[in-house]
Each structure stands twice: as structure tokens, then as C-alpha cells.
PDB file of N, CA and C in Angstrom:
ATOM      1  N   MET A   1     -33.273   3.941  43.231  1.00  0.00           N
ATOM      2  CA  MET A   1     -33.258   4.579  44.244  1.00  0.00           C
ATOM      3  C   MET A   1     -32.024   5.905  44.081  1.00  0.00           C
ATOM      4  N   LEU A   2     -31.605   6.704  44.508  1.00  0.00           N
ATOM      5  CA  LEU A   2     -31.509   7.501  43.648  1.00  0.00           C
ATOM      6  C   LEU A   2     -28.796   7.141  44.973  1.00  0.00           C
ATOM      7  N   GLY A   3     -28.008   8.027  44.566  1.00  0.00           N
ATOM      8  CA  GLY A   3     -27.368   8.123  45.000  1.00  0.00           C
ATOM      9  C   GLY A   3     -26.448   6.510  45.068  1.00  0.00           C
ATOM     10  N   VAL A   4     -27.033   5.259  44.662  1.00  0.00           N
ATOM     11  CA  VAL A   4     -26.615   4.066  45.010  1.00  0.00           C
ATOM     12  C   VAL A   4     -26.068   3.799  44.070  1.00  0.00           C
ATOM     13  N   ILE A   5     -24.588   3.071  44.350  1.00  0.00           N
ATOM     14  CA  ILE A   5     -23.449   2.940  43.354  1.00  0.00           C
ATOM     15  C   ILE A   5     -23.061   1.021  43.768  1.00  0.00           C
ATOM     16  N   ARG A   6     -23.412   0.579  42.382  1.00  0.00           N
ATOM     17  CA  ARG A   6     -23.252  -0.824  42.467  1.00  0.00           C
ATOM     18  C   ARG A   6     -21.648  -1.390  42.597  1.00  0.00           C
ATOM     19  N   ARG A   7     -21.575  -1.804  43.418  1.00  0.00           N
ATOM     20  CA  ARG A   7     -19.574  -2.408  43.106  1.00  0.00           C
ATOM     21  C   ARG A   7     -19.418  -3.280  41.886  1.00  0.00           C
ATOM     22  N   PRO A   8     -18.948  -3.035  41.190  1.00  0.00           N
ATOM     23  CA  PRO A   8     -18.462  -4.259  39.808  1.00  0.00           C
ATOM     24  C   PRO A   8     -17.599  -5.836  40.380  1.00  0.00           C
ATOM     25  N   ALA A   9     -18.214  -6.336  40.162  1.00  0.00           N
ATOM     26  CA  ALA A   9     -18.459  -7.328  40.332  1.00  0.00           C
ATOM     27  C   ALA A   9     -16.694  -8.740  40.412  1.00  0.00           C
ATOM     28  N   TRP A  10     -16.395  -7.763  39.906  1.00  0.00           N
ATOM     29  CA  TRP A  10     -14.130  -8.315  39.613  1.00  0.00           C
ATOM     30  C   TRP A  10     -14.208  -7.844  41.411  1.00  0.00           C
ATOM     31  N   MET A  11     -14.305  -6.849  42.233  1.00  0.00           N
ATOM     32  CA  MET A  11     -14.122  -6.126  43.477  1.00  0.00           C
ATOM     33  C   MET A  11     -14.804  -7.359  44.387  1.00  0.00           C
ATOM     34  N   ARG A  12     -14.950  -8.072  44.364  1.00  0.00           N
ATOM     35  CA  ARG A  12     -15.861  -9.951  45.040  1.00  0.00           C
ATOM     36  C   ARG A  12     -13.528 -10.451  45.249  1.00  0.00           C
ATOM     37  N   ASP A  13     -13.228 -10.548  44.005  1.00  0.00           N
ATOM     38  CA  ASP A  13     -12.549 -11.006  43.983  1.00  0.00           C
ATOM     39  C   ASP A  13     -10.996 -10.174  44.154  1.00  0.00           C
ATOM     40  N   ALA A  14     -11.451  -8.703  44.811  1.00  0.00           N
ATOM     41  CA  ALA A  14      -9.770  -8.092  44.537  1.00  0.00           C
ATOM     42  C   ALA A  14      -8.900  -9.217  46.355  1.00  0.00           C
ATOM     43  N   LEU A  15      -7.826  -9.266  46.462  1.00  0.00           N
ATOM     44  CA  LEU A  15      -6.719  -9.437  47.375  1.00  0.00           C
ATOM     45  C   LEU A  15      -6.921  -8.268  48.290  1.00  0.00           C
ATOM     46  N   CYS A  16      -6.696  -7.541  48.145  1.00  0.00           N
ATOM     47  CA  CYS A  16      -7.299  -6.184  48.722  1.00  0.00           C
ATOM     48  C   CYS A  16      -8.060  -6.500  49.930  1.00  0.00           C
ATOM     49  N   ARG A  17      -9.399  -6.389  49.906  1.00  0.00           N
ATOM     50  CA  ARG A  17      -9.668  -7.177  50.980  1.00  0.00           C
ATOM     51  C   ARG A  17     -10.247  -7.774  51.863  1.00  0.00           C
ATOM     52  N   GLU A  18      -9.353  -8.590  52.019  1.00  0.00           N
ATOM     53  CA  GLU A  18      -8.319  -9.257  52.938  1.00  0.00           C
ATOM     54  C   GLU A  18      -7.317  -8.231  53.253  1.00  0.00           C
ATOM     55  N   TYR A  19      -7.226  -7.416  53.354  1.00  0.00           N
ATOM     56  CA  TYR A  19      -6.114  -6.164  54.209  1.00  0.00           C
ATOM     57  C   TYR A  19      -6.945  -5.187  54.816  1.00  0.00           C
ATOM     58  N   SER A  20      -6.633  -4.325  55.802  1.00  0.00           N
ATOM     59  CA  SER A  20      -6.972  -3.385  56.121  1.00  0.00           C
ATOM     60  C   SER A  20      -7.074  -2.622  54.970  1.00  0.00           C
ATOM     61  N   GLY A  21      -8.147  -1.471  55.270  1.00  0.00           N
ATOM     62  CA  GLY A  21      -8.210   0.082  54.308  1.00  0.00           C
ATOM     63  C   GLY A  21      -7.102   0.845  54.508  1.00  0.00           C
ATOM     64  N   GLU A  22      -6.553   0.318  55.501  1.00  0.00           N
ATOM     65  CA  GLU A  22      -5.838   2.456  56.101  1.00  0.00           C
ATOM     66  C   GLU A  22      -4.095   0.675  55.282  1.00  0.00           C
ATOM     67  N   MET A  23      -4.318   0.691  54.586  1.00  0.00           N
ATOM     68  CA  MET A  23      -3.269   0.720  54.136  1.00  0.00           C
ATOM     69  C   MET A  23      -2.314   0.462  52.984  1.00  0.00           C
ATOM     70  N   PHE A  24      -4.201   0.868  51.518  1.00  0.00           N
ATOM     71  CA  PHE A  24      -4.442   1.156  50.756  1.00  0.00           C
ATOM     72  C   PHE A  24      -5.153   3.071  50.349  1.00  0.00           C
ATOM     73  N   PHE A  25      -5.456   3.449  51.769  1.00  0.00           N
ATOM     74  CA  PHE A  25      -5.344   4.741  52.245  1.00  0.00           C
ATOM     75  C   PHE A  25      -4.422   5.401  53.093  1.00  0.00           C
ATOM     76  N   PRO A  26      -3.185   5.693  52.473  1.00  0.00           N
ATOM     77  CA  PRO A  26      -2.087   5.890  54.155  1.00  0.00           C
ATOM     78  C   PRO A  26      -1.918   7.177  54.393  1.00  0.00           C
ATOM     79  N   GLY A  27      -1.572   7.197  55.584  1.00  0.00           N
ATOM     80  CA  GLY A  27      -1.787   8.529  55.419  1.00  0.00           C
ATOM     81  C   GLY A  27      -0.884   9.853  54.880  1.00  0.00           C
ATOM     82  N   THR A  28      -0.087  11.199  54.887  1.00  0.00           N
ATOM     83  CA  THR A  28      -0.178  12.109  54.463  1.00  0.00           C
ATOM     84  C   THR A  28       1.531  11.342  54.167  1.00  0.00           C
ATOM     85  N   GLY A  29       2.611  10.965  53.665  1.00  0.00           N
ATOM     86  CA  GLY A  29       3.946  10.981  53.812  1.00  0.00           C
ATOM     87  C   GLY A  29       3.885   9.418  54.102  1.00  0.00           C
ATOM     88  N   ALA A  30       3.013   8.199  53.902  1.00  0.00           N
ATOM     89  CA  ALA A  30       3.329   7.018  54.225  1.00  0.00           C
ATOM     90  C   ALA A  30       3.466   5.830  52.840  1.00  0.00           C
ATOM     91  N   SER A  31       3.978   5.093  52.498  1.00  0.00           N
ATOM     92  CA  SER A  31       4.515   4.160  52.385  1.00  0.00           C
ATOM     93  C   SER A  31       3.386   3.556  51.647  1.00  0.00           C
ATOM     94  N   PHE A  32       3.026   3.553  50.204  1.00  0.00           N
ATOM     95  CA  PHE A  32       2.970   2.833  48.958  1.00  0.00           C
ATOM     96  C   PHE A  32       2.941   1.160  48.636  1.00  0.00           C
ATOM     97  N   GLU A  33       4.647   1.300  49.014  1.00  0.00           N
ATOM     98  CA  GLU A  33       4.408   0.258  48.733  1.00  0.00           C
ATOM     99  C   GLU A  33       4.757  -1.321  49.968  1.00  0.00           C
ATOM    100  N   PRO A  34       3.968  -1.341  50.821  1.00  0.00           N
ATOM    101  CA  PRO A  34       2.702  -2.321  51.197  1.00  0.00           C
ATOM    102  C   PRO A  34       1.693  -2.741  50.429  1.00  0.00           C
ATOM    103  N   ALA A  35       0.713  -1.488  49.591  1.00  0.00           N
ATOM    104  CA  ALA A  35      -0.593  -1.681  49.634  1.00  0.00           C
ATOM    105  C   ALA A  35      -0.246  -2.015  48.101  1.00  0.00           C
ATOM    106  N   ARG A  36       1.101  -1.891  47.452  1.00  0.00           N
ATOM    107  CA  ARG A  36       1.601  -1.938  45.815  1.00  0.00           C
ATOM    108  C   ARG A  36       1.981  -3.721  46.449  1.00  0.00           C
ATOM    109  N   GLU A  37       2.414  -4.272  46.801  1.00  0.00           N
ATOM    110  CA  GLU A  37       2.698  -6.034  47.296  1.00  0.00           C
ATOM    111  C   GLU A  37       1.502  -6.616  47.113  1.00  0.00           C
ATOM    112  N   VAL A  38       0.479  -5.998  47.863  1.00  0.00           N
ATOM    113  CA  VAL A  38      -1.054  -7.052  47.501  1.00  0.00           C
ATOM    114  C   VAL A  38      -1.260  -6.349  46.162  1.00  0.00           C
ATOM    115  N   CYS A  39      -1.171  -5.770  45.614  1.00  0.00           N
ATOM    116  CA  CYS A  39      -1.691  -5.248  44.167  1.00  0.00           C
ATOM    117  C   CYS A  39      -0.663  -6.479  43.105  1.00  0.00           C
ATOM    118  N   ARG A  40       0.010  -6.469  43.322  1.00  0.00           N
ATOM    119  CA  ARG A  40       1.041  -7.117  42.797  1.00  0.00           C
ATOM    120  C   ARG A  40       0.647  -8.424  42.564  1.00  0.00           C
ATOM    121  N   ARG A  41       0.215  -8.499  43.465  1.00  0.00           N
ATOM    122  CA  ARG A  41      -0.608 -10.452  43.701  1.00  0.00           C
ATOM    123  C   ARG A  41      -2.057 -10.700  43.054  1.00  0.00           C
ATOM    124  N   CYS A  42      -2.512  -9.438  43.153  1.00  0.00           N
ATOM    125  CA  CYS A  42      -4.028 -10.346  42.976  1.00  0.00           C
ATOM    126  C   CYS A  42      -4.582 -10.314  41.342  1.00  0.00           C
ATOM    127  N   LEU A  43      -5.116 -10.862  40.731  1.00  0.00           N
ATOM    128  CA  LEU A  43      -5.551 -11.612  39.841  1.00  0.00           C
ATOM    129  C   LEU A  43      -6.631  -9.876  39.222  1.00  0.00           C
ATOM    130  N   VAL A  44      -7.113  -9.591  39.560  1.00  0.00           N
ATOM    131  CA  VAL A  44      -8.169  -8.119  39.073  1.00  0.00           C
ATOM    132  C   VAL A  44      -8.065  -6.560  39.048  1.00  0.00           C
ATOM    133  N   ARG A  45      -5.810  -7.199  39.127  1.00  0.00           N
ATOM    134  CA  ARG A  45      -6.005  -5.794  39.282  1.00  0.00           C
ATOM    135  C   ARG A  45      -6.030  -4.987  37.770  1.00  0.00           C
ATOM    136  N   GLU A  46      -5.582  -5.428  36.318  1.00  0.00           N
ATOM    137  CA  GLU A  46      -5.501  -4.661  35.392  1.00  0.00           C
ATOM    138  C   GLU A  46      -6.662  -4.035  36.018  1.00  0.00           C
ATOM    139  N   ALA A  47      -8.319  -4.524  36.006  1.00  0.00           N
ATOM    140  CA  ALA A  47      -9.779  -4.072  36.499  1.00  0.00           C
ATOM    141  C   ALA A  47      -9.510  -2.957  36.915  1.00  0.00           C
ATOM    142  N   CYS A  48      -9.028  -3.154  39.213  1.00  0.00           N
ATOM    143  CA  CYS A  48      -9.203  -2.326  39.421  1.00  0.00           C
ATOM    144  C   CYS A  48      -8.618  -0.845  39.366  1.00  0.00           C
ATOM    145  N   LEU A  49      -7.175  -1.390  38.881  1.00  0.00           N
ATOM    146  CA  LEU A  49      -6.620   0.903  37.560  1.00  0.00           C
ATOM    147  C   LEU A  49      -7.553   0.678  36.767  1.00  0.00           C
ATOM    148  N   ALA A  50      -8.150  -0.356  35.551  1.00  0.00           N
ATOM    149  CA  ALA A  50      -9.209   0.696  34.907  1.00  0.00           C
ATOM    150  C   ALA A  50     -10.058   1.487  35.206  1.00  0.00           C
ATOM    151  N   PHE A  51     -10.863   0.716  36.563  1.00  0.00           N
ATOM    152  CA  PHE A  51     -11.984   1.467  37.449  1.00  0.00           C
ATOM    153  C   PHE A  51     -11.630   3.074  37.316  1.00  0.00           C
ATOM    154  N   ALA A  52     -10.516   3.110  38.575  1.00  0.00           N
ATOM    155  CA  ALA A  52      -9.945   4.080  39.035  1.00  0.00           C
ATOM    156  C   ALA A  52      -9.402   4.846  38.450  1.00  0.00           C
ATOM    157  N   LEU A  53      -8.945   4.653  37.082  1.00  0.00           N
ATOM    158  CA  LEU A  53      -8.999   5.349  35.950  1.00  0.00           C
ATOM    159  C   LEU A  53     -10.001   6.533  35.115  1.00  0.00           C
ATOM    160  N   GLU A  54     -11.427   4.844  35.026  1.00  0.00           N
ATOM    161  CA  GLU A  54     -12.027   5.580  34.745  1.00  0.00           C
ATOM    162  C   GLU A  54     -13.353   6.264  35.418  1.00  0.00           C
ATOM    163  N   HIS A  55     -12.809   6.644  36.824  1.00  0.00           N
ATOM    164  CA  HIS A  55     -13.538   6.736  38.426  1.00  0.00           C
ATOM    165  C   HIS A  55     -13.067   8.433  38.287  1.00  0.00           C
ATOM    166  N   GLU A  56     -11.269   8.089  37.902  1.00  0.00           N
ATOM    167  CA  GLU A  56     -10.607   9.560  38.676  1.00  0.00           C
ATOM    168  C   GLU A  56     -10.520   9.197  39.690  1.00  0.00           C
ATOM    169  N   GLU A  57     -11.094   8.022  40.598  1.00  0.00           N
ATOM    170  CA  GLU A  57      -9.667   8.304  41.756  1.00  0.00           C
ATOM    171  C   GLU A  57      -9.079   9.035  42.642  1.00  0.00           C
ATOM    172  N   PRO A  58      -9.320   9.875  43.470  1.00  0.00           N
ATOM    173  CA  PRO A  58      -7.400  10.732  43.201  1.00  0.00           C
ATOM    174  C   PRO A  58      -7.596  10.551  44.468  1.00  0.00           C
ATOM    175  N   ASP A  59      -7.689   9.527  45.517  1.00  0.00           N
ATOM    176  CA  ASP A  59      -6.723   8.419  46.579  1.00  0.00           C
ATOM    177  C   ASP A  59      -6.452   7.406  46.905  1.00  0.00           C
ATOM    178  N   GLY A  60      -5.479   6.993  47.376  1.00  0.00           N
ATOM    179  CA  GLY A  60      -4.892   5.327  47.452  1.00  0.00           C
ATOM    180  C   GLY A  60      -4.642   4.556  46.366  1.00  0.00           C
ATOM    181  N   CYS A  61      -4.901   3.349  46.901  1.00  0.00           N
ATOM    182  CA  CYS A  61      -3.520   2.462  45.763  1.00  0.00           C
ATOM    183  C   CYS A  61      -4.928   1.806  45.020  1.00  0.00           C
ATOM    184  N   TRP A  62      -4.629   1.594  43.965  1.00  0.00           N
ATOM    185  CA  TRP A  62      -5.860   0.932  43.373  1.00  0.00           C
ATOM    186  C   TRP A  62      -4.934   0.641  41.945  1.00  0.00           C
ATOM    187  N   GLY A  63      -5.595  -0.910  41.982  1.00  0.00           N
ATOM    188  CA  GLY A  63      -3.930  -1.811  40.197  1.00  0.00           C
ATOM    189  C   GLY A  63      -2.725  -1.273  40.800  1.00  0.00           C
ATOM    190  N   GLY A  64      -2.676  -0.842  41.905  1.00  0.00           N
ATOM    191  CA  GLY A  64      -0.744  -1.026  42.217  1.00  0.00           C
ATOM    192  C   GLY A  64      -0.396   0.986  42.327  1.00  0.00           C
ATOM    193  N   LEU A  65      -1.661   1.879  41.648  1.00  0.00           N
ATOM    194  CA  LEU A  65      -0.883   2.365  41.292  1.00  0.00           C
ATOM    195  C   LEU A  65      -1.244   3.866  42.599  1.00  0.00           C
ATOM    196  N   SER A  66      -1.016   4.991  43.087  1.00  0.00           N
ATOM    197  CA  SER A  66      -1.403   5.772  43.632  1.00  0.00           C
ATOM    198  C   SER A  66      -1.612   7.014  42.735  1.00  0.00           C
ATOM    199  N   GLY A  67      -2.514   7.892  44.066  1.00  0.00           N
ATOM    200  CA  GLY A  67      -3.004   8.888  42.697  1.00  0.00           C
ATOM    201  C   GLY A  67      -2.655   9.628  41.895  1.00  0.00           C
ATOM    202  N   GLN A  68      -1.202   9.923  42.345  1.00  0.00           N
ATOM    203  CA  GLN A  68      -0.376  11.038  41.579  1.00  0.00           C
ATOM    204  C   GLN A  68       0.257  10.579  40.415  1.00  0.00           C
ATOM    205  N   GLU A  69       0.104   9.345  40.504  1.00  0.00           N
ATOM    206  CA  GLU A  69       1.071   8.037  39.258  1.00  0.00           C
ATOM    207  C   GLU A  69      -0.501   7.576  38.353  1.00  0.00           C
ATOM    208  N   ARG A  70      -2.052   7.579  38.760  1.00  0.00           N
ATOM    209  CA  ARG A  70      -2.824   7.394  37.684  1.00  0.00           C
ATOM    210  C   ARG A  70      -3.182   9.022  37.727  1.00  0.00           C
ATOM    211  N   ARG A  71      -3.213   9.431  37.629  1.00  0.00           N
ATOM    212  CA  ARG A  71      -3.232  11.488  37.278  1.00  0.00           C
ATOM    213  C   ARG A  71      -2.283  11.663  35.946  1.00  0.00           C
ATOM    214  N   ALA A  72      -0.684  10.908  36.521  1.00  0.00           N
ATOM    215  CA  ALA A  72      -0.171  10.963  35.358  1.00  0.00           C
ATOM    216  C   ALA A  72      -0.193  10.663  34.595  1.00  0.00           C
ATOM    217  N   LEU A  73      -1.627   9.162  34.510  1.00  0.00           N
ATOM    218  CA  LEU A  73      -1.766   8.492  33.083  1.00  0.00           C
ATOM    219  C   LEU A  73      -2.513   8.994  32.172  1.00  0.00           C
ATOM    220  N   LEU A  74      -3.969   9.974  32.756  1.00  0.00           N
ATOM    221  CA  LEU A  74      -4.719  10.188  32.469  1.00  0.00           C
ATOM    222  C   LEU A  74      -4.834  11.313  31.310  1.00  0.00           C
ATOM    223  N   PRO A  75      -5.045  11.958  30.516  1.00  0.00           N
ATOM    224  CA  PRO A  75      -5.043  12.911  29.180  1.00  0.00           C
ATOM    225  C   PRO A  75      -5.092  13.874  29.877  1.00  0.00           C
ATOM    226  N   ARG A  76      -4.517  14.912  29.238  1.00  0.00           N
ATOM    227  CA  ARG A  76      -4.739  16.243  29.913  1.00  0.00           C
ATOM    228  C   ARG A  76      -5.704  17.126  29.486  1.00  0.00           C
ATOM    229  N   ALA A  77      -6.647  18.226  29.547  1.00  0.00           N
ATOM    230  CA  ALA A  77      -7.884  18.462  28.908  1.00  0.00           C
ATOM    231  C   ALA A  77      -7.355  19.878  28.039  1.00  0.00           C
ATOM    232  N   GLY A  78      -7.136  20.044  26.784  1.00  0.00           N
ATOM    233  CA  GLY A  78      -6.930  21.387  26.320  1.00  0.00           C
ATOM    234  C   GLY A  78      -7.413  21.891  25.089  1.00  0.00           C
TER     235      GLY A  78
END
């Protein structure tokens, strides 16, 4: 089946599942701090961040970091 993406097993244990997705994808200028507080308590935070880095997720709070913060961790092409 084309276009089907399987969610990694760690996602079922993610604490963010208990909260509104809007918290992790705040609007322009809104704070990521509420999402970061949830991430700090999450048992799968490292796996979440690794997933976001591997897939170059551009938006949202993943593993406690914003898209801009994650991009700063990625190696630059060149």
C-alpha cells in the first residue's frame, strides 16, 4: 500500500498523546514552553527527538525542541 506510514512503537508511550496537539504546534509567536514541560517528563523524549531529526520534521515541538532548534543540530550540506 503506497503512502502508508507506520508510527514507531515508541509513539504509543509518548506523554504528548494525553494533550492537545495544538500545544506542540503553537501558532506564530506562541510559546513552546508548555510543550517543553510535557517533554521533560516524557519517557520517550530521546526517541522522539531522534525521529524528528532523522525525518527533518520542520514544525512543532519534538523531544522538547522547536523546529529551529532542531535545524541547528543538523549538519549543514556543503
